[in-house]
PDB file of N, CA and C in Angstrom:
ATOM      1  N   MET A   1      83.290  97.292  74.495  1.00  0.00           N
ATOM      2  CA  MET A   1      84.572  97.796  74.959  1.00  0.00           C
ATOM      3  C   MET A   1      85.074  96.886  76.080  1.00  0.00           C
ATOM      4  N   GLU A   2      86.314  96.486  75.978  1.00  0.00           N
ATOM      5  CA  GLU A   2      86.910  95.584  76.957  1.00  0.00           C
ATOM      6  C   GLU A   2      87.376  96.368  78.177  1.00  0.00           C
ATOM      7  N   ALA A   3      87.112  95.833  79.362  1.00  0.00           N
ATOM      8  CA  ALA A   3      87.538  96.486  80.595  1.00  0.00           C
ATOM      9  C   ALA A   3      89.049  96.394  80.743  1.00  0.00           C
ATOM     10  N   LYS A   4      89.649  97.474  81.217  1.00  0.00           N
ATOM     11  CA  LYS A   4      91.094  97.510  81.412  1.00  0.00           C
ATOM     12  C   LYS A   4      91.440  96.854  82.746  1.00  0.00           C
ATOM     13  N   VAL A   5      92.391  95.946  82.715  1.00  0.00           N
ATOM     14  CA  VAL A   5      92.860  95.293  83.933  1.00  0.00           C
ATOM     15  C   VAL A   5      93.858  96.222  84.608  1.00  0.00           C
ATOM     16  N   LEU A   6      93.601  96.546  85.869  1.00  0.00           N
ATOM     17  CA  LEU A   6      94.483  97.463  86.580  1.00  0.00           C
ATOM     18  C   LEU A   6      95.842  96.835  86.867  1.00  0.00           C
ATOM     19  N   TYR A   7      95.850  95.574  87.196  1.00  0.00           N
ATOM     20  CA  TYR A   7      97.099  94.851  87.387  1.00  0.00           C
ATOM     21  C   TYR A   7      96.799  93.375  87.357  1.00  0.00           C
ATOM     22  N   ASP A   8      97.833  92.592  87.115  1.00  0.00           N
ATOM     23  CA  ASP A   8      97.605  91.156  87.210  1.00  0.00           C
ATOM     24  C   ASP A   8      98.396  90.636  88.406  1.00  0.00           C
ATOM     25  N   SER A   9      97.746  89.832  89.185  1.00  0.00           N
ATOM     26  CA  SER A   9      98.268  89.365  90.458  1.00  0.00           C
ATOM     27  C   SER A   9      99.618  88.652  90.354  1.00  0.00           C
ATOM     28  N   PRO A  10      99.820  87.747  89.377  1.00  0.00           N
ATOM     29  CA  PRO A  10     101.122  87.079  89.296  1.00  0.00           C
ATOM     30  C   PRO A  10     102.283  88.058  89.072  1.00  0.00           C
ATOM     31  N   SER A  11     102.080  89.069  88.254  1.00  0.00           N
ATOM     32  CA  SER A  11     103.137  90.061  88.034  1.00  0.00           C
ATOM     33  C   SER A  11     103.401  90.858  89.305  1.00  0.00           C
ATOM     34  N   LEU A  12     102.356  91.179  90.033  1.00  0.00           N
ATOM     35  CA  LEU A  12     102.500  91.886  91.301  1.00  0.00           C
ATOM     36  C   LEU A  12     103.330  91.048  92.269  1.00  0.00           C
ATOM     37  N   ALA A  13     103.029  89.777  92.368  1.00  0.00           N
ATOM     38  CA  ALA A  13     103.773  88.891  93.268  1.00  0.00           C
ATOM     39  C   ALA A  13     105.255  88.853  92.904  1.00  0.00           C
ATOM     40  N   LYS A  14     105.539  88.776  91.619  1.00  0.00           N
ATOM     41  CA  LYS A  14     106.933  88.726  91.168  1.00  0.00           C
ATOM     42  C   LYS A  14     107.666  90.023  91.481  1.00  0.00           C
ATOM     43  N   ARG A  15     106.990  91.152  91.326  1.00  0.00           N
ATOM     44  CA  ARG A  15     107.631  92.438  91.633  1.00  0.00           C
ATOM     45  C   ARG A  15     107.858  92.586  93.135  1.00  0.00           C
ATOM     46  N   ILE A  16     106.931  92.122  93.939  1.00  0.00           N
ATOM     47  CA  ILE A  16     107.111  92.177  95.395  1.00  0.00           C
ATOM     48  C   ILE A  16     108.319  91.330  95.791  1.00  0.00           C
ATOM     49  N   LYS A  17     108.386  90.121  95.268  1.00  0.00           N
ATOM     50  CA  LYS A  17     109.505  89.235  95.607  1.00  0.00           C
ATOM     51  C   LYS A  17     110.836  89.818  95.137  1.00  0.00           C
ATOM     52  N   ALA A  18     110.868  90.389  93.947  1.00  0.00           N
ATOM     53  CA  ALA A  18     112.100  90.972  93.420  1.00  0.00           C
ATOM     54  C   ALA A  18     112.542  92.171  94.261  1.00  0.00           C
ATOM     55  N   ARG A  19     111.597  93.019  94.641  1.00  0.00           N
ATOM     56  CA  ARG A  19     111.933  94.199  95.447  1.00  0.00           C
ATOM     57  C   ARG A  19     112.414  93.767  96.836  1.00  0.00           C
ATOM     58  N   ALA A  20     111.784  92.765  97.408  1.00  0.00           N
ATOM     59  CA  ALA A  20     112.226  92.266  98.711  1.00  0.00           C
ATOM     60  C   ALA A  20     113.668  91.757  98.610  1.00  0.00           C
ATOM     61  N   LYS A  21     113.961  91.037  97.547  1.00  0.00           N
ATOM     62  CA  LYS A  21     115.318  90.522  97.352  1.00  0.00           C
ATOM     63  C   LYS A  21     116.316  91.676  97.230  1.00  0.00           C
ATOM     64  N   GLU A  22     115.945  92.734  96.494  1.00  0.00           N
ATOM     65  CA  GLU A  22     116.799  93.918  96.379  1.00  0.00           C
ATOM     66  C   GLU A  22     117.085  94.531  97.743  1.00  0.00           C
ATOM     67  N   LYS A  23     116.100  94.466  98.614  1.00  0.00           N
ATOM     68  CA  LYS A  23     116.230  95.046  99.949  1.00  0.00           C
ATOM     69  C   LYS A  23     116.880  94.078 100.950  1.00  0.00           C
ATOM     70  N   GLY A  24     117.208  92.878 100.492  1.00  0.00           N
ATOM     71  CA  GLY A  24     117.898  91.915 101.345  1.00  0.00           C
ATOM     72  C   GLY A  24     117.009  91.235 102.368  1.00  0.00           C
ATOM     73  N   VAL A  25     115.737  91.079 102.038  1.00  0.00           N
ATOM     74  CA  VAL A  25     114.794  90.438 102.950  1.00  0.00           C
ATOM     75  C   VAL A  25     114.011  89.383 102.171  1.00  0.00           C
ATOM     76  N   THR A  26     113.671  88.319 102.837  1.00  0.00           N
ATOM     77  CA  THR A  26     112.847  87.311 102.172  1.00  0.00           C
ATOM     78  C   THR A  26     111.382  87.740 102.239  1.00  0.00           C
ATOM     79  N   ALA A  27     110.613  87.251 101.295  1.00  0.00           N
ATOM     80  CA  ALA A  27     109.182  87.555 101.294  1.00  0.00           C
ATOM     81  C   ALA A  27     108.544  87.039 102.579  1.00  0.00           C
ATOM     82  N   LYS A  28     108.973  85.885 103.040  1.00  0.00           N
ATOM     83  CA  LYS A  28     108.415  85.297 104.262  1.00  0.00           C
ATOM     84  C   LYS A  28     108.664  86.199 105.471  1.00  0.00           C
ATOM     85  N   THR A  29     109.884  86.715 105.586  1.00  0.00           N
ATOM     86  CA  THR A  29     110.217  87.618 106.689  1.00  0.00           C
ATOM     87  C   THR A  29     109.380  88.892 106.607  1.00  0.00           C
ATOM     88  N   MET A  30     109.273  89.452 105.396  1.00  0.00           N
ATOM     89  CA  MET A  30     108.497  90.668 105.205  1.00  0.00           C
ATOM     90  C   MET A  30     107.041  90.452 105.628  1.00  0.00           C
ATOM     91  N   LEU A  31     106.436  89.373 105.149  1.00  0.00           N
ATOM     92  CA  LEU A  31     105.041  89.095 105.491  1.00  0.00           C
ATOM     93  C   LEU A  31     104.871  88.904 106.988  1.00  0.00           C
ATOM     94  N   ASN A  32     105.814  88.221 107.611  1.00  0.00           N
ATOM     95  CA  ASN A  32     105.767  88.010 109.059  1.00  0.00           C
ATOM     96  C   ASN A  32     105.879  89.342 109.802  1.00  0.00           C
ATOM     97  N   ASP A  33     106.830  90.186 109.385  1.00  0.00           N
ATOM     98  CA  ASP A  33     107.005  91.495 110.017  1.00  0.00           C
ATOM     99  C   ASP A  33     105.750  92.356 109.900  1.00  0.00           C
ATOM    100  N   LEU A  34     105.027  92.201 108.809  1.00  0.00           N
ATOM    101  CA  LEU A  34     103.819  92.989 108.574  1.00  0.00           C
ATOM    102  C   LEU A  34     102.559  92.356 109.149  1.00  0.00           C
ATOM    103  N   GLY A  35     102.694  91.151 109.686  1.00  0.00           N
ATOM    104  CA  GLY A  35     101.533  90.471 110.238  1.00  0.00           C
ATOM    105  C   GLY A  35     100.580  89.961 109.174  1.00  0.00           C
ATOM    106  N   LEU A  36     101.104  89.714 107.972  1.00  0.00           N
ATOM    107  CA  LEU A  36     100.295  89.196 106.875  1.00  0.00           C
ATOM    108  C   LEU A  36     100.479  87.691 106.762  1.00  0.00           C
ATOM    109  N   GLY A  37      99.522  87.026 106.191  1.00  0.00           N
ATOM    110  CA  GLY A  37      99.582  85.586 106.043  1.00  0.00           C
ATOM    111  C   GLY A  37     100.771  85.145 105.206  1.00  0.00           C
ATOM    112  N   SER A  38     101.377  84.045 105.594  1.00  0.00           N
ATOM    113  CA  SER A  38     102.569  83.557 104.897  1.00  0.00           C
ATOM    114  C   SER A  38     102.268  83.093 103.478  1.00  0.00           C
ATOM    115  N   ASN A  39     100.997  82.895 103.150  1.00  0.00           N
ATOM    116  CA  ASN A  39     100.617  82.462 101.804  1.00  0.00           C
ATOM    117  C   ASN A  39     100.173  83.621 100.907  1.00  0.00           C
ATOM    118  N   SER A  40     100.331  84.838 101.354  1.00  0.00           N
ATOM    119  CA  SER A  40      99.857  86.003 100.596  1.00  0.00           C
ATOM    120  C   SER A  40     100.467  86.069  99.197  1.00  0.00           C
ATOM    121  N   ILE A  41     101.761  85.836  99.080  1.00  0.00           N
ATOM    122  CA  ILE A  41     102.429  85.885  97.779  1.00  0.00           C
ATOM    123  C   ILE A  41     101.949  84.730  96.909  1.00  0.00           C
ATOM    124  N   SER A  42     101.812  83.567  97.496  1.00  0.00           N
ATOM    125  CA  SER A  42     101.324  82.400  96.758  1.00  0.00           C
ATOM    126  C   SER A  42      99.923  82.649  96.213  1.00  0.00           C
ATOM    127  N   HIS A  43      99.089  83.284  97.009  1.00  0.00           N
ATOM    128  CA  HIS A  43      97.731  83.598  96.561  1.00  0.00           C
ATOM    129  C   HIS A  43      97.760  84.518  95.341  1.00  0.00           C
ATOM    130  N   LEU A  44      98.661  85.510  95.370  1.00  0.00           N
ATOM    131  CA  LEU A  44      98.794  86.411  94.223  1.00  0.00           C
ATOM    132  C   LEU A  44      99.253  85.640  92.984  1.00  0.00           C
ATOM    133  N   LEU A  45     100.212  84.743  93.178  1.00  0.00           N
ATOM    134  CA  LEU A  45     100.722  83.958  92.054  1.00  0.00           C
ATOM    135  C   LEU A  45      99.627  83.123  91.404  1.00  0.00           C
ATOM    136  N   HIS A  46      98.601  82.805  92.186  1.00  0.00           N
ATOM    137  CA  HIS A  46      97.495  81.997  91.672  1.00  0.00           C
ATOM    138  C   HIS A  46      96.274  82.843  91.300  1.00  0.00           C
ATOM    139  N   GLY A  47      96.495  84.151  91.123  1.00  0.00           N
ATOM    140  CA  GLY A  47      95.446  85.008  90.579  1.00  0.00           C
ATOM    141  C   GLY A  47      94.526  85.691  91.561  1.00  0.00           C
ATOM    142  N   GLN A  48      94.722  85.479  92.852  1.00  0.00           N
ATOM    143  CA  GLN A  48      93.876  86.179  93.816  1.00  0.00           C
ATOM    144  C   GLN A  48      94.346  87.619  93.958  1.00  0.00           C
ATOM    145  N   THR A  49      93.482  88.463  94.456  1.00  0.00           N
ATOM    146  CA  THR A  49      93.824  89.870  94.628  1.00  0.00           C
ATOM    147  C   THR A  49      94.236  90.148  96.068  1.00  0.00           C
ATOM    148  N   MET A  50      94.731  91.363  96.272  1.00  0.00           N
ATOM    149  CA  MET A  50      95.169  91.776  97.605  1.00  0.00           C
ATOM    150  C   MET A  50      94.484  93.086  97.952  1.00  0.00           C
ATOM    151  N   ALA A  51      94.079  93.230  99.190  1.00  0.00           N
ATOM    152  CA  ALA A  51      93.443  94.467  99.646  1.00  0.00           C
ATOM    153  C   ALA A  51      94.427  95.628  99.526  1.00  0.00           C
ATOM    154  N   HIS A  52      93.895  96.797  99.196  1.00  0.00           N
ATOM    155  CA  HIS A  52      94.745  97.971  98.980  1.00  0.00           C
ATOM    156  C   HIS A  52      95.567  98.349 100.204  1.00  0.00           C
ATOM    157  N   ASP A  53      95.032  98.180 101.394  1.00  0.00           N
ATOM    158  CA  ASP A  53      95.786  98.550 102.589  1.00  0.00           C
ATOM    159  C   ASP A  53      96.981  97.622 102.803  1.00  0.00           C
ATOM    160  N   ARG A  54      96.832  96.362 102.456  1.00  0.00           N
ATOM    161  CA  ARG A  54      97.955  95.425 102.574  1.00  0.00           C
ATOM    162  C   ARG A  54      99.034  95.751 101.555  1.00  0.00           C
ATOM    163  N   LEU A  55      98.615  96.071 100.348  1.00  0.00           N
ATOM    164  CA  LEU A  55      99.565  96.430  99.305  1.00  0.00           C
ATOM    165  C   LEU A  55     100.333  97.694  99.698  1.00  0.00           C
ATOM    166  N   ALA A  56      99.652  98.660 100.271  1.00  0.00           N
ATOM    167  CA  ALA A  56     100.304  99.895 100.718  1.00  0.00           C
ATOM    168  C   ALA A  56     101.310  99.609 101.824  1.00  0.00           C
ATOM    169  N   ARG A  57     100.976  98.720 102.748  1.00  0.00           N
ATOM    170  CA  ARG A  57     101.906  98.370 103.822  1.00  0.00           C
ATOM    171  C   ARG A  57     103.151  97.691 103.266  1.00  0.00           C
ATOM    172  N   ILE A  58     102.974  96.830 102.267  1.00  0.00           N
ATOM    173  CA  ILE A  58     104.115  96.166 101.644  1.00  0.00           C
ATOM    174  C   ILE A  58     104.994  97.207 100.945  1.00  0.00           C
ATOM    175  N   ALA A  59     104.384  98.130 100.210  1.00  0.00           N
ATOM    176  CA  ALA A  59     105.149  99.178  99.531  1.00  0.00           C
ATOM    177  C   ALA A  59     105.946 100.012 100.537  1.00  0.00           C
ATOM    178  N   ASP A  60     105.323 100.383 101.638  1.00  0.00           N
ATOM    179  CA  ASP A  60     106.034 101.141 102.675  1.00  0.00           C
ATOM    180  C   ASP A  60     107.200 100.338 103.229  1.00  0.00           C
ATOM    181  N   TYR A  61     106.968  99.083 103.493  1.00  0.00           N
ATOM    182  CA  TYR A  61     108.015  98.207 104.041  1.00  0.00           C
ATOM    183  C   TYR A  61     109.191  98.097 103.078  1.00  0.00           C
ATOM    184  N   LEU A  62     108.881  98.004 101.782  1.00  0.00           N
ATOM    185  CA  LEU A  62     109.920  97.841 100.770  1.00  0.00           C
ATOM    186  C   LEU A  62     110.448  99.176 100.249  1.00  0.00           C
ATOM    187  N   ASP A  63     109.993 100.271 100.849  1.00  0.00           N
ATOM    188  CA  ASP A  63     110.447 101.610 100.502  1.00  0.00           C
ATOM    189  C   ASP A  63     110.296 101.892  99.009  1.00  0.00           C
ATOM    190  N   CYS A  64     109.088 101.671  98.524  1.00  0.00           N
ATOM    191  CA  CYS A  64     108.785 101.955  97.127  1.00  0.00           C
ATOM    192  C   CYS A  64     107.318 102.354  97.032  1.00  0.00           C
ATOM    193  N   SER A  65     106.908 102.730  95.846  1.00  0.00           N
ATOM    194  CA  SER A  65     105.524 103.129  95.649  1.00  0.00           C
ATOM    195  C   SER A  65     104.656 101.925  95.274  1.00  0.00           C
ATOM    196  N   VAL A  66     103.387 102.052  95.515  1.00  0.00           N
ATOM    197  CA  VAL A  66     102.432 101.040  95.071  1.00  0.00           C
ATOM    198  C   VAL A  66     102.458 100.960  93.544  1.00  0.00           C
ATOM    199  N   ASP A  67     102.579 102.110  92.892  1.00  0.00           N
ATOM    200  CA  ASP A  67     102.658 102.123  91.429  1.00  0.00           C
ATOM    201  C   ASP A  67     103.821 101.270  90.930  1.00  0.00           C
ATOM    202  N   TYR A  68     104.940 101.314  91.631  1.00  0.00           N
ATOM    203  CA  TYR A  68     106.090 100.489  91.251  1.00  0.00           C
ATOM    204  C   TYR A  68     105.739  99.003  91.357  1.00  0.00           C
ATOM    205  N   LEU A  69     105.135  98.618  92.458  1.00  0.00           N
ATOM    206  CA  LEU A  69     104.779  97.206  92.649  1.00  0.00           C
ATOM    207  C   LEU A  69     103.758  96.750  91.617  1.00  0.00           C
ATOM    208  N   LEU A  70     102.864  97.650  91.219  1.00  0.00           N
ATOM    209  CA  LEU A  70     101.842  97.310  90.233  1.00  0.00           C
ATOM    210  C   LEU A  70     102.391  97.300  88.809  1.00  0.00           C
ATOM    211  N   GLY A  71     103.630  97.753  88.636  1.00  0.00           N
ATOM    212  CA  GLY A  71     104.224  97.762  87.314  1.00  0.00           C
ATOM    213  C   GLY A  71     103.840  98.975  86.483  1.00  0.00           C
ATOM    214  N   ARG A  72     103.302  99.988  87.133  1.00  0.00           N
ATOM    215  CA  ARG A  72     102.894 101.208  86.421  1.00  0.00           C
ATOM    216  C   ARG A  72     104.068 102.129  86.174  1.00  0.00           C
ATOM    217  N   THR A  73     105.193 101.881  86.847  1.00  0.00           N
ATOM    218  CA  THR A  73     106.431 102.620  86.657  1.00  0.00           C
ATOM    219  C   THR A  73     107.590 101.701  87.004  1.00  0.00           C
ATOM    220  N   ASP A  74     108.734 101.984  86.425  1.00  0.00           N
ATOM    221  CA  ASP A  74     109.938 101.221  86.775  1.00  0.00           C
ATOM    222  C   ASP A  74     110.795 101.957  87.781  1.00  0.00           C
ATOM    223  N   ASN A  75     110.335 103.121  88.226  1.00  0.00           N
ATOM    224  CA  ASN A  75     111.037 103.920  89.215  1.00  0.00           C
ATOM    225  C   ASN A  75     110.344 103.759  90.564  1.00  0.00           C
ATOM    226  N   PRO A  76     110.988 103.093  91.527  1.00  0.00           N
ATOM    227  CA  PRO A  76     110.331 102.859  92.831  1.00  0.00           C
ATOM    228  C   PRO A  76     110.052 104.127  93.618  1.00  0.00           C
ATOM    229  N   GLU A  77     110.673 105.248  93.233  1.00  0.00           N
ATOM    230  CA  GLU A  77     110.498 106.506  93.972  1.00  0.00           C
ATOM    231  C   GLU A  77     109.278 107.309  93.523  1.00  0.00           C
ATOM    232  N   ILE A  78     108.771 107.043  92.324  1.00  0.00           N
ATOM    233  CA  ILE A  78     107.641 107.833  91.803  1.00  0.00           C
ATOM    234  C   ILE A  78     106.391 107.560  92.626  1.00  0.00           C
ATOM    235  N   ASN A  79     105.719 108.638  93.026  1.00  0.00           N
ATOM    236  CA  ASN A  79     104.463 108.588  93.809  1.00  0.00           C
ATOM    237  C   ASN A  79     104.627 107.926  95.162  1.00  0.00           C
ATOM    238  N   LYS A  80     105.812 107.973  95.705  1.00  0.00           N
ATOM    239  CA  LYS A  80     106.056 107.361  97.010  1.00  0.00           C
ATOM    240  C   LYS A  80     105.575 108.248  98.113  1.00  0.00           C
TER     241      LYS A  80
END
């Protein structure tokens, strides 16, 4: 039986960047405001993972759910 992938990092990075753009903020500004490394999005694009607490902080900053960022829903309000 093949293990189910919970999310893929490149898709997560793209959703974070798209949501930031919707909110009128650059990814760089968001990461700086959150005290996260400026290469965090780049790391995701290259397949690295992100700690759950960092992902939750990004979701809060972007006023959406973690499920939305992970692509589990297209509604940013679900499970917020």
